[in-house]
Amino acid sequence: MIGKVNNGCKYNDDDFARKHKIVLCDASPEYKGYWLKHLPYKLTLEREHDLIPKETRQKYLDLINNGKSIGEARDAVGISFEGALEITNRAIGNYLYLKKEAV
């Protein structure tokens, strides 16, 4: 729920929610996690990327650069599809080049 007023809800303490000004106005427990389910997909990808440690992102890119498919590399390091997608998106230098260093 984007653009609502924060009335002191204890469930608004997530750093990602604050960064993107996503606020739940009610203090009801049933709202906990509601914004995650209704987050724009681009922000979901960004959140997944931020939750993955840089070492894991680097290991994923190393596997991709060594010839593994996206699915094989993602399973090997244990990350979500969205996380793998965002790491790959951020590593694309241009249409012929995939960077070797994780961002």
N, C-alpha and C. Protein backbone atom coordinates (compact mmCIF):
# COMPACT_ATOMS: atom_id res chain seq x y z
N MET A 1 0.85 -1.16 0.00
CA MET A 1 0.00 0.00 0.00
C MET A 1 0.90 1.23 0.00
N ILE A 2 1.04 1.82 -1.12
CA ILE A 2 1.96 2.94 -1.28
C ILE A 2 1.23 4.25 -1.03
N GLY A 3 1.86 5.14 -0.31
CA GLY A 3 1.32 6.47 -0.11
C GLY A 3 0.41 6.63 1.08
N LYS A 4 0.22 5.60 1.90
CA LYS A 4 -0.62 5.74 3.08
C LYS A 4 0.17 6.42 4.19
N VAL A 5 -0.51 6.94 5.17
CA VAL A 5 0.12 7.64 6.28
C VAL A 5 0.51 6.63 7.34
N ASN A 6 1.72 6.77 7.89
CA ASN A 6 2.19 5.89 8.94
C ASN A 6 1.62 6.36 10.26
N ASN A 7 0.76 5.57 10.85
CA ASN A 7 0.17 5.91 12.14
C ASN A 7 0.88 5.20 13.28
N GLY A 8 2.17 4.92 13.11
CA GLY A 8 2.94 4.29 14.16
C GLY A 8 2.82 2.78 14.17
N CYS A 9 2.44 2.18 13.08
CA CYS A 9 2.29 0.73 13.01
C CYS A 9 3.65 0.06 13.22
N LYS A 10 3.71 -0.92 14.10
CA LYS A 10 4.98 -1.59 14.38
C LYS A 10 5.44 -2.45 13.20
N TYR A 11 4.58 -2.70 12.23
CA TYR A 11 4.95 -3.51 11.08
C TYR A 11 5.57 -2.68 9.96
N ASN A 12 5.73 -1.39 10.17
CA ASN A 12 6.35 -0.53 9.18
C ASN A 12 7.85 -0.35 9.41
N ASP A 13 8.45 -1.23 10.22
CA ASP A 13 9.85 -1.08 10.60
C ASP A 13 10.83 -1.65 9.59
N ASP A 14 10.39 -2.21 8.51
CA ASP A 14 11.29 -2.79 7.52
C ASP A 14 12.04 -1.68 6.78
N ASP A 15 13.37 -1.81 6.69
CA ASP A 15 14.20 -0.80 6.02
C ASP A 15 13.79 -0.61 4.56
N PHE A 16 13.49 -1.71 3.88
CA PHE A 16 13.10 -1.62 2.48
C PHE A 16 11.79 -0.85 2.33
N ALA A 17 10.86 -1.10 3.25
CA ALA A 17 9.58 -0.39 3.20
C ALA A 17 9.79 1.10 3.39
N ARG A 18 10.64 1.45 4.35
CA ARG A 18 10.92 2.87 4.58
C ARG A 18 11.60 3.51 3.38
N LYS A 19 12.56 2.79 2.78
CA LYS A 19 13.30 3.32 1.64
C LYS A 19 12.37 3.68 0.48
N HIS A 20 11.35 2.84 0.25
CA HIS A 20 10.43 3.05 -0.87
C HIS A 20 9.11 3.67 -0.44
N LYS A 21 9.08 4.16 0.81
CA LYS A 21 7.90 4.85 1.34
C LYS A 21 6.65 4.00 1.24
N ILE A 22 6.79 2.70 1.56
CA ILE A 22 5.65 1.79 1.59
C ILE A 22 5.21 1.68 3.04
N VAL A 23 4.00 2.09 3.32
CA VAL A 23 3.54 2.16 4.70
C VAL A 23 2.18 1.50 4.84
N LEU A 24 2.03 0.73 5.90
CA LEU A 24 0.72 0.19 6.26
C LEU A 24 0.15 1.05 7.37
N CYS A 25 -1.10 1.44 7.24
CA CYS A 25 -1.63 2.39 8.20
C CYS A 25 -2.28 1.71 9.40
N ASP A 26 -2.57 0.44 9.35
CA ASP A 26 -3.22 -0.23 10.45
C ASP A 26 -2.23 -1.07 11.24
N ALA A 27 -2.45 -1.21 12.53
CA ALA A 27 -1.57 -1.98 13.40
C ALA A 27 -2.06 -3.42 13.55
N SER A 28 -2.93 -3.86 12.69
CA SER A 28 -3.47 -5.22 12.79
C SER A 28 -2.46 -6.24 12.31
N PRO A 29 -2.30 -7.36 13.02
CA PRO A 29 -1.32 -8.38 12.64
C PRO A 29 -1.57 -8.97 11.25
N GLU A 30 -2.80 -8.98 10.79
CA GLU A 30 -3.08 -9.56 9.48
C GLU A 30 -2.47 -8.74 8.34
N TYR A 31 -2.04 -7.52 8.61
CA TYR A 31 -1.39 -6.71 7.59
C TYR A 31 0.11 -6.97 7.47
N LYS A 32 0.67 -7.69 8.44
CA LYS A 32 2.11 -7.95 8.40
C LYS A 32 2.45 -8.71 7.12
N GLY A 33 3.35 -8.19 6.33
CA GLY A 33 3.74 -8.82 5.08
C GLY A 33 2.82 -8.52 3.90
N TYR A 34 1.73 -7.78 4.13
CA TYR A 34 0.79 -7.48 3.05
C TYR A 34 1.47 -6.74 1.91
N TRP A 35 2.30 -5.76 2.26
CA TRP A 35 2.94 -4.94 1.22
C TRP A 35 3.88 -5.75 0.37
N LEU A 36 4.49 -6.82 0.95
CA LEU A 36 5.38 -7.66 0.16
C LEU A 36 4.64 -8.35 -0.98
N LYS A 37 3.40 -8.73 -0.72
CA LYS A 37 2.61 -9.42 -1.74
C LYS A 37 2.09 -8.47 -2.81
N HIS A 38 2.06 -7.18 -2.51
CA HIS A 38 1.51 -6.20 -3.43
C HIS A 38 2.54 -5.19 -3.90
N LEU A 39 3.80 -5.56 -3.80
CA LEU A 39 4.90 -4.72 -4.21
C LEU A 39 5.06 -4.79 -5.73
N PRO A 40 5.34 -3.68 -6.40
CA PRO A 40 5.62 -3.76 -7.84
C PRO A 40 6.76 -4.73 -8.10
N TYR A 41 6.71 -5.44 -9.21
CA TYR A 41 7.67 -6.52 -9.48
C TYR A 41 9.11 -6.01 -9.51
N LYS A 42 9.33 -4.82 -10.03
CA LYS A 42 10.68 -4.25 -10.07
C LYS A 42 11.24 -4.10 -8.66
N LEU A 43 10.42 -3.67 -7.71
CA LEU A 43 10.87 -3.54 -6.33
C LEU A 43 11.05 -4.91 -5.68
N THR A 44 10.26 -5.90 -6.09
CA THR A 44 10.45 -7.26 -5.58
C THR A 44 11.81 -7.78 -6.00
N LEU A 45 12.19 -7.53 -7.25
CA LEU A 45 13.51 -7.95 -7.73
C LEU A 45 14.62 -7.24 -6.95
N GLU A 46 14.45 -5.95 -6.71
CA GLU A 46 15.45 -5.19 -5.97
C GLU A 46 15.59 -5.73 -4.55
N ARG A 47 14.48 -6.03 -3.92
CA ARG A 47 14.51 -6.57 -2.55
C ARG A 47 15.23 -7.91 -2.52
N GLU A 48 14.92 -8.79 -3.46
CA GLU A 48 15.58 -10.10 -3.52
C GLU A 48 17.09 -9.93 -3.69
N HIS A 49 17.49 -9.02 -4.56
CA HIS A 49 18.91 -8.78 -4.79
C HIS A 49 19.59 -8.30 -3.50
N ASP A 50 18.93 -7.38 -2.79
CA ASP A 50 19.51 -6.83 -1.57
C ASP A 50 19.63 -7.88 -0.46
N LEU A 51 18.79 -8.90 -0.47
CA LEU A 51 18.83 -9.93 0.56
C LEU A 51 19.92 -10.97 0.32
N ILE A 52 20.47 -11.02 -0.88
CA ILE A 52 21.49 -12.02 -1.21
C ILE A 52 22.87 -11.42 -0.92
N PRO A 53 23.70 -12.12 -0.12
CA PRO A 53 25.04 -11.60 0.16
C PRO A 53 25.89 -11.50 -1.11
N LYS A 54 26.83 -10.55 -1.12
CA LYS A 54 27.65 -10.32 -2.31
C LYS A 54 28.45 -11.57 -2.69
N GLU A 55 28.90 -12.34 -1.71
CA GLU A 55 29.67 -13.56 -2.01
C GLU A 55 28.82 -14.56 -2.79
N THR A 56 27.55 -14.67 -2.42
CA THR A 56 26.64 -15.58 -3.12
C THR A 56 26.37 -15.08 -4.53
N ARG A 57 26.20 -13.76 -4.68
CA ARG A 57 25.99 -13.19 -6.02
C ARG A 57 27.20 -13.46 -6.90
N GLN A 58 28.41 -13.32 -6.31
CA GLN A 58 29.63 -13.56 -7.08
C GLN A 58 29.74 -15.03 -7.47
N LYS A 59 29.40 -15.93 -6.56
CA LYS A 59 29.46 -17.37 -6.86
C LYS A 59 28.49 -17.71 -8.00
N TYR A 60 27.30 -17.11 -7.95
CA TYR A 60 26.30 -17.32 -9.02
C TYR A 60 26.87 -16.86 -10.37
N LEU A 61 27.46 -15.66 -10.42
CA LEU A 61 28.02 -15.15 -11.67
C LEU A 61 29.18 -16.01 -12.16
N ASP A 62 29.99 -16.51 -11.23
CA ASP A 62 31.09 -17.39 -11.62
C ASP A 62 30.56 -18.65 -12.30
N LEU A 63 29.49 -19.21 -11.75
CA LEU A 63 28.89 -20.41 -12.35
C LEU A 63 28.32 -20.11 -13.73
N ILE A 64 27.67 -18.97 -13.87
CA ILE A 64 27.11 -18.57 -15.17
C ILE A 64 28.24 -18.40 -16.19
N ASN A 65 29.31 -17.73 -15.78
CA ASN A 65 30.44 -17.50 -16.70
C ASN A 65 31.21 -18.78 -17.01
N ASN A 66 31.05 -19.82 -16.19
CA ASN A 66 31.69 -21.11 -16.45
C ASN A 66 30.79 -22.05 -17.26
N GLY A 67 29.67 -21.54 -17.76
CA GLY A 67 28.84 -22.32 -18.67
C GLY A 67 27.59 -22.96 -18.09
N LYS A 68 27.30 -22.75 -16.82
CA LYS A 68 26.07 -23.29 -16.23
C LYS A 68 24.87 -22.48 -16.72
N SER A 69 23.72 -23.12 -16.76
CA SER A 69 22.50 -22.39 -17.10
C SER A 69 22.05 -21.59 -15.88
N ILE A 70 21.13 -20.68 -16.08
CA ILE A 70 20.62 -19.87 -14.97
C ILE A 70 20.01 -20.77 -13.91
N GLY A 71 19.23 -21.75 -14.32
CA GLY A 71 18.59 -22.66 -13.37
C GLY A 71 19.60 -23.50 -12.58
N GLU A 72 20.61 -24.01 -13.27
CA GLU A 72 21.63 -24.82 -12.59
C GLU A 72 22.43 -23.97 -11.60
N ALA A 73 22.80 -22.77 -12.01
CA ALA A 73 23.58 -21.88 -11.14
C ALA A 73 22.76 -21.45 -9.93
N ARG A 74 21.51 -21.15 -10.16
CA ARG A 74 20.65 -20.69 -9.06
C ARG A 74 20.41 -21.81 -8.06
N ASP A 75 20.21 -23.03 -8.53
CA ASP A 75 20.05 -24.17 -7.63
C ASP A 75 21.33 -24.46 -6.86
N ALA A 76 22.47 -24.29 -7.51
CA ALA A 76 23.75 -24.58 -6.86
C ALA A 76 24.03 -23.62 -5.70
N VAL A 77 23.64 -22.37 -5.85
CA VAL A 77 23.91 -21.40 -4.78
C VAL A 77 22.71 -21.21 -3.86
N GLY A 78 21.55 -21.73 -4.24
CA GLY A 78 20.37 -21.68 -3.38
C GLY A 78 19.69 -20.33 -3.29
N ILE A 79 19.48 -19.69 -4.45
CA ILE A 79 18.79 -18.41 -4.45
C ILE A 79 17.47 -18.54 -5.22
N SER A 80 16.61 -17.55 -5.05
CA SER A 80 15.31 -17.57 -5.72
C SER A 80 15.46 -17.19 -7.19
N PHE A 81 14.42 -17.47 -7.96
CA PHE A 81 14.41 -17.09 -9.37
C PHE A 81 14.52 -15.58 -9.52
N GLU A 82 13.79 -14.85 -8.67
CA GLU A 82 13.82 -13.39 -8.75
C GLU A 82 15.21 -12.85 -8.44
N GLY A 83 15.87 -13.45 -7.45
CA GLY A 83 17.23 -13.05 -7.12
C GLY A 83 18.19 -13.29 -8.27
N ALA A 84 18.08 -14.48 -8.89
CA ALA A 84 18.93 -14.80 -10.03
C ALA A 84 18.67 -13.85 -11.19
N LEU A 85 17.42 -13.53 -11.41
CA LEU A 85 17.05 -12.62 -12.49
C LEU A 85 17.66 -11.24 -12.29
N GLU A 86 17.58 -10.72 -11.07
CA GLU A 86 18.11 -9.39 -10.81
C GLU A 86 19.64 -9.36 -10.84
N ILE A 87 20.30 -10.41 -10.36
CA ILE A 87 21.76 -10.47 -10.45
C ILE A 87 22.18 -10.47 -11.91
N THR A 88 21.50 -11.26 -12.72
CA THR A 88 21.81 -11.33 -14.15
C THR A 88 21.55 -9.98 -14.82
N ASN A 89 20.42 -9.35 -14.50
CA ASN A 89 20.10 -8.05 -15.08
C ASN A 89 21.16 -7.01 -14.76
N ARG A 90 21.63 -6.99 -13.52
CA ARG A 90 22.62 -6.00 -13.12
C ARG A 90 24.01 -6.31 -13.67
N ALA A 91 24.23 -7.57 -14.08
CA ALA A 91 25.54 -7.96 -14.59
C ALA A 91 25.65 -7.80 -16.11
N ILE A 92 24.56 -7.49 -16.76
CA ILE A 92 24.60 -7.35 -18.22
C ILE A 92 25.27 -6.03 -18.57
N GLY A 93 26.43 -6.14 -19.25
CA GLY A 93 27.14 -4.94 -19.70
C GLY A 93 26.52 -4.41 -20.98
N ASN A 94 26.31 -5.29 -21.93
CA ASN A 94 25.55 -5.00 -23.14
C ASN A 94 25.06 -6.35 -23.66
N TYR A 95 24.46 -6.39 -24.81
CA TYR A 95 23.82 -7.63 -25.25
C TYR A 95 24.81 -8.75 -25.56
N LEU A 96 26.10 -8.46 -25.66
CA LEU A 96 27.09 -9.51 -25.92
C LEU A 96 27.99 -9.81 -24.72
N TYR A 97 27.79 -9.11 -23.61
CA TYR A 97 28.77 -9.21 -22.54
C TYR A 97 28.08 -9.30 -21.17
N LEU A 98 28.49 -10.27 -20.38
CA LEU A 98 28.03 -10.41 -19.01
C LEU A 98 29.23 -10.16 -18.10
N LYS A 99 29.10 -9.19 -17.20
CA LYS A 99 30.20 -8.84 -16.30
C LYS A 99 30.60 -10.03 -15.43
N LYS A 100 31.83 -10.03 -14.99
CA LYS A 100 32.34 -11.12 -14.16
C LYS A 100 32.31 -10.76 -12.68
N GLU A 101 32.15 -9.49 -12.33
CA GLU A 101 32.14 -9.05 -10.95
C GLU A 101 30.71 -8.73 -10.51
N ALA A 102 30.34 -9.23 -9.33
CA ALA A 102 29.00 -8.98 -8.80
C ALA A 102 28.90 -7.56 -8.29
N VAL A 103 27.72 -6.98 -8.44
CA VAL A 103 27.47 -5.63 -7.96
C VAL A 103 26.90 -5.69 -6.57
